[in-house]
C-alpha atoms as a PDB file:
ATOM      1  CA  MET A   1     143.850  95.280  12.391  1.00  0.00           C
ATOM      2  CA  LYS A   2     146.449  92.612  13.000  1.00  0.00           C
ATOM      3  CA  LYS A   3     146.502  89.596  10.753  1.00  0.00           C
ATOM      4  CA  ALA A   4     145.546  87.061  13.486  1.00  0.00           C
ATOM      5  CA  GLU A   5     142.554  89.128  14.531  1.00  0.00           C
ATOM      6  CA  ILE A   6     141.318  89.313  10.941  1.00  0.00           C
ATOM      7  CA  CYS A   7     141.329  85.481  10.943  1.00  0.00           C
ATOM      8  CA  GLY A   8     139.582  85.171  14.281  1.00  0.00           C
ATOM      9  CA  MET A   9     142.526  83.676  15.968  1.00  0.00           C
ATOM     10  CA  ARG A  10     143.907  84.931  19.245  1.00  0.00           C
ATOM     11  CA  PRO A  11     147.616  85.948  19.402  1.00  0.00           C
ATOM     12  CA  GLU A  12     149.847  83.241  21.114  1.00  0.00           C
ATOM     13  CA  SER A  13     151.304  83.777  24.500  1.00  0.00           C
ATOM     14  CA  GLY A  14     154.017  81.993  26.580  1.00  0.00           C
ATOM     15  CA  PHE A  15     157.392  80.832  26.144  1.00  0.00           C
ATOM     16  CA  THR A  16     159.051  79.123  23.255  1.00  0.00           C
ATOM     17  CA  LEU A  17     161.039  75.906  23.768  1.00  0.00           C
ATOM     18  CA  LEU A  18     164.183  77.729  23.032  1.00  0.00           C
ATOM     19  CA  GLU A  19     163.473  80.536  25.667  1.00  0.00           C
ATOM     20  CA  LEU A  20     162.804  77.801  28.387  1.00  0.00           C
ATOM     21  CA  MET A  21     166.105  75.910  27.437  1.00  0.00           C
ATOM     22  CA  ILE A  22     168.121  79.124  27.872  1.00  0.00           C
ATOM     23  CA  THR A  23     166.472  80.034  31.086  1.00  0.00           C
ATOM     24  CA  LEU A  24     167.460  76.458  32.430  1.00  0.00           C
ATOM     25  CA  VAL A  25     171.014  76.727  31.266  1.00  0.00           C
ATOM     26  CA  VAL A  26     171.327  80.171  32.969  1.00  0.00           C
ATOM     27  CA  ALA A  27     169.728  78.778  36.184  1.00  0.00           C
ATOM     28  CA  ALA A  28     172.059  75.705  36.234  1.00  0.00           C
ATOM     29  CA  ILE A  29     175.126  77.962  35.909  1.00  0.00           C
ATOM     30  CA  ILE A  30     173.948  80.089  38.657  1.00  0.00           C
ATOM     31  CA  LEU A  31     173.377  77.117  40.910  1.00  0.00           C
ATOM     32  CA  GLY A  32     176.613  75.648  40.161  1.00  0.00           C
ATOM     33  CA  LEU A  33     178.487  78.729  41.287  1.00  0.00           C
ATOM     34  CA  ALA A  34     176.440  79.286  44.335  1.00  0.00           C
ATOM     35  CA  VAL A  35     176.308  75.664  45.680  1.00  0.00           C
ATOM     36  CA  PRO A  36     179.988  75.408  46.793  1.00  0.00           C
ATOM     37  CA  SER A  37     179.577  78.895  48.608  1.00  0.00           C
ATOM     38  CA  PHE A  38     176.499  77.621  50.420  1.00  0.00           C
ATOM     39  CA  GLN A  39     178.353  74.429  51.385  1.00  0.00           C
ATOM     40  CA  ARG A  40     181.385  76.458  52.985  1.00  0.00           C
ATOM     41  CA  THR A  41     178.854  78.652  54.834  1.00  0.00           C
ATOM     42  CA  ILE A  42     177.117  75.353  56.340  1.00  0.00           C
ATOM     43  CA  ALA A  43     180.738  74.091  57.335  1.00  0.00           C
ATOM     44  CA  ARG A  44     181.569  77.433  58.929  1.00  0.00           C
ATOM     45  CA  ASN A  45     178.193  77.507  60.780  1.00  0.00           C
ATOM     46  CA  ALA A  46     178.772  73.793  62.120  1.00  0.00           C
ATOM     47  CA  VAL A  47     182.047  74.825  63.608  1.00  0.00           C
ATOM     48  CA  LYS A  48     180.670  77.903  65.225  1.00  0.00           C
ATOM     49  CA  ALA A  49     177.590  76.095  66.468  1.00  0.00           C
ATOM     50  CA  THR A  50     179.733  73.279  68.128  1.00  0.00           C
ATOM     51  CA  THR A  51     182.105  75.971  69.469  1.00  0.00           C
ATOM     52  CA  GLN A  52     178.995  77.717  71.074  1.00  0.00           C
ATOM     53  CA  ASP A  53     177.768  74.431  72.480  1.00  0.00           C
ATOM     54  CA  LEU A  54     180.791  73.693  74.198  1.00  0.00           C
ATOM     55  CA  VAL A  55     181.356  77.292  75.455  1.00  0.00           C
ATOM     56  CA  ALA A  56     177.719  77.236  76.836  1.00  0.00           C
ATOM     57  CA  THR A  57     178.542  73.817  78.532  1.00  0.00           C
ATOM     58  CA  LEU A  58     181.715  75.119  80.029  1.00  0.00           C
ATOM     59  CA  ASN A  59     179.932  78.472  81.273  1.00  0.00           C
ATOM     60  CA  ALA A  60     177.033  76.448  82.725  1.00  0.00           C
ATOM     61  CA  ALA A  61     179.459  74.148  84.463  1.00  0.00           C
ATOM     62  CA  ARG A  62     181.468  77.093  86.070  1.00  0.00           C
ATOM     63  CA  ALA A  63     178.198  78.783  87.081  1.00  0.00           C
ATOM     64  CA  GLN A  64     176.757  75.591  88.540  1.00  0.00           C
ATOM     65  CA  SER A  65     179.985  74.862  90.491  1.00  0.00           C
ATOM     66  CA  MET A  66     179.713  78.358  92.205  1.00  0.00           C
ATOM     67  CA  SER A  67     176.004  78.288  92.912  1.00  0.00           C
ATOM     68  CA  SER A  68     175.972  74.572  94.312  1.00  0.00           C
ATOM     69  CA  ARG A  69     179.402  75.066  95.888  1.00  0.00           C
ATOM     70  CA  THR A  70     180.462  71.662  94.518  1.00  0.00           C
ATOM     71  CA  ALA A  71     182.923  70.650  91.832  1.00  0.00           C
ATOM     72  CA  VAL A  72     181.482  70.187  88.408  1.00  0.00           C
ATOM     73  CA  THR A  73     183.381  68.477  85.600  1.00  0.00           C
ATOM     74  CA  VAL A  74     182.987  68.580  81.719  1.00  0.00           C
ATOM     75  CA  LYS A  75     184.175  65.452  80.513  1.00  0.00           C
ATOM     76  CA  PRO A  76     184.576  63.889  76.942  1.00  0.00           C
ATOM     77  CA  GLU A  77     182.623  60.650  76.058  1.00  0.00           C
ATOM     78  CA  SER A  78     184.619  57.552  76.108  1.00  0.00           C
ATOM     79  CA  GLY A  79     185.972  58.031  72.401  1.00  0.00           C
ATOM     80  CA  GLY A  80     187.091  61.580  73.007  1.00  0.00           C
ATOM     81  CA  TRP A  81     185.827  65.012  72.792  1.00  0.00           C
ATOM     82  CA  GLY A  82     184.850  64.433  68.987  1.00  0.00           C
ATOM     83  CA  ASP A  83     182.278  61.972  70.342  1.00  0.00           C
ATOM     84  CA  GLY A  84     180.617  64.425  72.551  1.00  0.00           C
ATOM     85  CA  TRP A  85     180.792  65.711  76.022  1.00  0.00           C
ATOM     86  CA  SER A  86     178.773  65.770  79.328  1.00  0.00           C
ATOM     87  CA  LEU A  87     178.404  67.511  82.587  1.00  0.00           C
ATOM     88  CA  GLU A  88     179.041  65.554  85.629  1.00  0.00           C
ATOM     89  CA  TYR A  89     178.229  66.700  89.203  1.00  0.00           C
ATOM     90  CA  GLN A  90     180.139  65.797  92.178  1.00  0.00           C
ATOM     91  CA  SER A  91     177.034  65.419  94.334  1.00  0.00           C
ATOM     92  CA  SER A  92     175.452  63.138  91.660  1.00  0.00           C
ATOM     93  CA  VAL A  93     176.498  59.891  90.137  1.00  0.00           C
ATOM     94  CA  GLU A  94     174.493  60.707  86.904  1.00  0.00           C
ATOM     95  CA  SER A  95     175.803  62.983  84.311  1.00  0.00           C
ATOM     96  CA  ASP A  96     173.473  65.594  82.532  1.00  0.00           C
ATOM     97  CA  GLU A  97     172.724  65.710  78.936  1.00  0.00           C
ATOM     98  CA  ILE A  98     175.334  64.453  76.482  1.00  0.00           C
ATOM     99  CA  TYR A  99     176.176  66.970  73.752  1.00  0.00           C
ATOM    100  CA  VAL A 100     177.180  65.368  70.338  1.00  0.00           C
ATOM    101  CA  PRO A 101     178.870  67.385  67.648  1.00  0.00           C
ATOM    102  CA  SER A 102     178.086  67.020  63.911  1.00  0.00           C
ATOM    103  CA  ASP A 103     179.695  64.206  61.959  1.00  0.00           C
ATOM    104  CA  LYS A 104     182.194  66.473  60.276  1.00  0.00           C
ATOM    105  CA  ILE A 105     183.441  68.310  63.191  1.00  0.00           C
ATOM    106  CA  LEU A 106     186.734  67.221  64.779  1.00  0.00           C
ATOM    107  CA  ILE A 107     187.783  68.292  68.199  1.00  0.00           C
ATOM    108  CA  LYS A 108     191.311  68.357  69.486  1.00  0.00           C
ATOM    109  CA  SER A 109     192.594  68.634  73.048  1.00  0.00           C
ATOM    110  CA  ASP A 110     194.884  66.803  75.474  1.00  0.00           C
ATOM    111  CA  LEU A 111     192.502  67.472  78.213  1.00  0.00           C
ATOM    112  CA  ALA A 112     191.122  64.415  79.969  1.00  0.00           C
ATOM    113  CA  SER A 113     188.201  66.612  81.459  1.00  0.00           C
ATOM    114  CA  LEU A 114     187.841  70.172  83.033  1.00  0.00           C
ATOM    115  CA  THR A 115     186.781  70.368  86.761  1.00  0.00           C
ATOM    116  CA  PHE A 116     185.444  73.721  88.013  1.00  0.00           C
ATOM    117  CA  ARG A 117     185.933  74.173  91.719  1.00  0.00           C
ATOM    118  CA  PRO A 118     183.218  75.767  93.904  1.00  0.00           C
ATOM    119  CA  GLN A 119     185.000  79.114  93.544  1.00  0.00           C
ATOM    120  CA  GLY A 120     184.618  79.111  89.793  1.00  0.00           C
ATOM    121  CA  GLY A 121     188.203  78.347  88.731  1.00  0.00           C
ATOM    122  CA  LEU A 122     189.784  75.134  87.418  1.00  0.00           C
ATOM    123  CA  SER A 123     191.167  72.397  89.415  1.00  0.00           C
ATOM    124  CA  ALA A 124     194.197  72.157  87.146  1.00  0.00           C
ATOM    125  CA  PRO A 125     195.818  74.631  84.763  1.00  0.00           C
ATOM    126  CA  GLY A 126     193.819  75.887  82.058  1.00  0.00           C
ATOM    127  CA  SER A 127     194.201  74.746  78.576  1.00  0.00           C
ATOM    128  CA  SER A 128     192.696  74.866  75.101  1.00  0.00           C
ATOM    129  CA  ILE A 129     190.244  72.863  72.890  1.00  0.00           C
ATOM    130  CA  ILE A 130     190.372  73.454  69.075  1.00  0.00           C
ATOM    131  CA  VAL A 131     187.127  72.814  67.099  1.00  0.00           C
ATOM    132  CA  CYS A 132     187.836  71.987  63.366  1.00  0.00           C
ATOM    133  CA  HIS A 133     185.787  70.862  60.330  1.00  0.00           C
ATOM    134  CA  THR A 134     187.121  67.822  58.239  1.00  0.00           C
ATOM    135  CA  ASP A 135     187.488  70.258  55.471  1.00  0.00           C
ATOM    136  CA  THR A 136     190.876  71.712  56.449  1.00  0.00           C
ATOM    137  CA  GLU A 137     189.968  74.834  54.398  1.00  0.00           C
ATOM    138  CA  ILE A 138     187.451  75.867  56.922  1.00  0.00           C
ATOM    139  CA  PRO A 139     189.065  77.973  59.880  1.00  0.00           C
ATOM    140  CA  GLY A 140     188.549  76.397  63.282  1.00  0.00           C
ATOM    141  CA  ARG A 141     187.890  77.963  66.622  1.00  0.00           C
ATOM    142  CA  LYS A 142     190.157  77.614  69.696  1.00  0.00           C
ATOM    143  CA  ILE A 143     188.437  77.694  73.136  1.00  0.00           C
ATOM    144  CA  THR A 144     190.828  78.690  75.805  1.00  0.00           C
ATOM    145  CA  VAL A 145     189.920  78.105  79.489  1.00  0.00           C
ATOM    146  CA  THR A 146     192.135  80.134  82.007  1.00  0.00           C
ATOM    147  CA  PHE A 147     192.889  78.783  85.492  1.00  0.00           C
ATOM    148  CA  LEU A 148     190.461  81.257  86.955  1.00  0.00           C
ATOM    149  CA  GLY A 149     187.555  79.571  84.629  1.00  0.00           C
ATOM    150  CA  ARG A 150     187.257  82.207  82.100  1.00  0.00           C
ATOM    151  CA  VAL A 151     186.347  81.053  78.694  1.00  0.00           C
ATOM    152  CA  ASN A 152     187.619  82.813  75.541  1.00  0.00           C
ATOM    153  CA  THR A 153     187.117  81.887  71.838  1.00  0.00           C
ATOM    154  CA  GLU A 154     189.280  82.980  68.863  1.00  0.00           C
ATOM    155  CA  GLU A 155     189.584  81.743  65.146  1.00  0.00           C
ATOM    156  CA  ASP A 156     192.407  79.186  64.770  1.00  0.00           C
ATOM    157  CA  VAL A 157     193.481  78.227  61.241  1.00  0.00           C
ATOM    158  CA  ALA A 158     196.868  76.649  62.030  1.00  0.00           C
ATOM    159  CA  GLY A 159     195.631  74.176  64.671  1.00  0.00           C
ATOM    160  CA  CYS A 160     193.244  72.658  62.166  1.00  0.00           C
ATOM    161  CA  LYS A 161     195.768  72.094  59.360  1.00  0.00           C
ATOM    162  CA  SER A 162     198.224  70.043  61.568  1.00  0.00           C
END
């Protein structure tokens, strides 16, 4: 028989204070290493989500222009592409929903707007839009719209560092 059982006492179970403190220190170290990685992942996802929203808007404008046989324009808000963008139909005075990117997203473009003709192409030569994060270490995305209205995306590191 064990000594604790002879005296009528039950054996103690649980953690000592030292074991608990060591566990907390190890958890703090692991979190300290993981949090920056999560922040970079969140920033990359914000760039990708904004790019996908803008591409979806451009594709919707092209499809709408062909189906309604009228010009449809994607234009930036008054402060520029970084403040958001909206669809504007030729047959309507009102614009569709306004899309607003995250606060930490920068959008660079010289385009005043993109107008899709009823045939699906652009009314002016195609150009590109670059979506970046305020953290220049995060790679950006370049959206290219051809004269025929086709939308392509690719990773763009150089455009965000300038």
